[in-house]
Amino acid sequence: MPEGTEVELLIQSPQVVSPPVSDLEAKQRFLKSLVERMQQNPIPLNAPRFTRETLYERR
């Protein structure tokens, strides 16, 4: 699209929505598990950094 082209965006919510976690202990377990998984799989320091332009070109 040319620069300055007007577009209309329609944002729709997903069909399936997970219920909020109301049990505090379950939420804490989930968050602890999430952090542990993130720590076990860090992003490498030499991982490529994506710019807006490179992400656009990947489509």
C-alpha atoms as a PDB file:
ATOM      1  CA  MET A   1       0.000   0.000   0.000  1.00  0.00           C
ATOM      2  CA  PRO A   2       1.234   3.474  -0.688  1.00  0.00           C
ATOM      3  CA  GLU A   3       2.306   5.662   2.205  1.00  0.00           C
ATOM      4  CA  GLY A   4      -0.645   7.502   3.707  1.00  0.00           C
ATOM      5  CA  THR A   5      -3.263   5.001   2.567  1.00  0.00           C
ATOM      6  CA  GLU A   6      -6.192   4.922   4.971  1.00  0.00           C
ATOM      7  CA  VAL A   7      -7.215   1.503   6.248  1.00  0.00           C
ATOM      8  CA  GLU A   8      -9.981   0.288   8.499  1.00  0.00           C
ATOM      9  CA  LEU A   9      -9.123  -2.279  11.170  1.00  0.00           C
ATOM     10  CA  LEU A  10     -11.674  -4.610  12.662  1.00  0.00           C
ATOM     11  CA  ILE A  11     -10.546  -6.263  15.896  1.00  0.00           C
ATOM     12  CA  GLN A  12     -12.395  -9.406  16.856  1.00  0.00           C
ATOM     13  CA  SER A  13     -12.006 -11.340  20.058  1.00  0.00           C
ATOM     14  CA  PRO A  14     -10.949 -15.002  19.802  1.00  0.00           C
ATOM     15  CA  GLN A  15     -13.666 -17.622  19.643  1.00  0.00           C
ATOM     16  CA  VAL A  16     -12.353 -19.428  22.720  1.00  0.00           C
ATOM     17  CA  VAL A  17     -11.571 -17.403  25.813  1.00  0.00           C
ATOM     18  CA  SER A  18      -9.922 -19.065  28.763  1.00  0.00           C
ATOM     19  CA  PRO A  19     -11.566 -18.323  32.078  1.00  0.00           C
ATOM     20  CA  PRO A  20      -9.575 -16.201  34.496  1.00  0.00           C
ATOM     21  CA  VAL A  21      -7.602 -18.122  37.095  1.00  0.00           C
ATOM     22  CA  SER A  22      -9.389 -17.395  40.360  1.00  0.00           C
ATOM     23  CA  ASP A  23      -7.449 -19.863  42.521  1.00  0.00           C
ATOM     24  CA  LEU A  24      -4.422 -17.942  43.805  1.00  0.00           C
ATOM     25  CA  GLU A  25      -2.340 -21.100  44.350  1.00  0.00           C
ATOM     26  CA  ALA A  26      -3.059 -22.357  40.819  1.00  0.00           C
ATOM     27  CA  LYS A  27      -2.066 -18.962  39.411  1.00  0.00           C
ATOM     28  CA  GLN A  28       1.178 -18.970  41.397  1.00  0.00           C
ATOM     29  CA  ARG A  29       2.011 -22.506  40.202  1.00  0.00           C
ATOM     30  CA  PHE A  30       1.335 -21.509  36.616  1.00  0.00           C
ATOM     31  CA  LEU A  31       3.485 -18.383  36.835  1.00  0.00           C
ATOM     32  CA  LYS A  32       6.321 -20.301  38.506  1.00  0.00           C
ATOM     33  CA  SER A  33       6.168 -22.947  35.776  1.00  0.00           C
ATOM     34  CA  LEU A  34       6.146 -20.274  33.082  1.00  0.00           C
ATOM     35  CA  VAL A  35       9.212 -18.524  34.522  1.00  0.00           C
ATOM     36  CA  GLU A  36      11.060 -21.848  34.865  1.00  0.00           C
ATOM     37  CA  ARG A  37      10.363 -22.721  31.223  1.00  0.00           C
ATOM     38  CA  MET A  38      11.540 -19.284  30.115  1.00  0.00           C
ATOM     39  CA  GLN A  39      14.746 -19.697  32.105  1.00  0.00           C
ATOM     40  CA  GLN A  40      15.349 -23.168  30.628  1.00  0.00           C
ATOM     41  CA  ASN A  41      14.925 -21.824  27.080  1.00  0.00           C
ATOM     42  CA  PRO A  42      16.588 -18.409  26.959  1.00  0.00           C
ATOM     43  CA  ILE A  43      16.810 -16.457  23.734  1.00  0.00           C
ATOM     44  CA  PRO A  44      20.406 -16.810  22.516  1.00  0.00           C
ATOM     45  CA  LEU A  45      22.506 -13.658  22.627  1.00  0.00           C
ATOM     46  CA  ASN A  46      23.286 -14.075  18.925  1.00  0.00           C
ATOM     47  CA  ALA A  47      19.626 -14.460  17.927  1.00  0.00           C
ATOM     48  CA  PRO A  48      18.659 -12.191  15.029  1.00  0.00           C
ATOM     49  CA  ARG A  49      16.814  -9.032  15.955  1.00  0.00           C
ATOM     50  CA  PHE A  50      13.716  -8.464  13.902  1.00  0.00           C
ATOM     51  CA  THR A  51      12.829  -5.008  12.729  1.00  0.00           C
ATOM     52  CA  ARG A  52       9.490  -3.901  11.448  1.00  0.00           C
ATOM     53  CA  GLU A  53      10.844  -4.103   7.910  1.00  0.00           C
ATOM     54  CA  THR A  54      12.221  -7.642   8.232  1.00  0.00           C
ATOM     55  CA  LEU A  55       8.994  -8.880   9.778  1.00  0.00           C
ATOM     56  CA  TYR A  56       7.045  -7.329   6.920  1.00  0.00           C
ATOM     57  CA  GLU A  57       9.316  -9.011   4.366  1.00  0.00           C
ATOM     58  CA  ARG A  58       8.794 -12.438   5.977  1.00  0.00           C
ATOM     59  CA  ARG A  59       5.132 -12.577   4.978  1.00  0.00           C
END
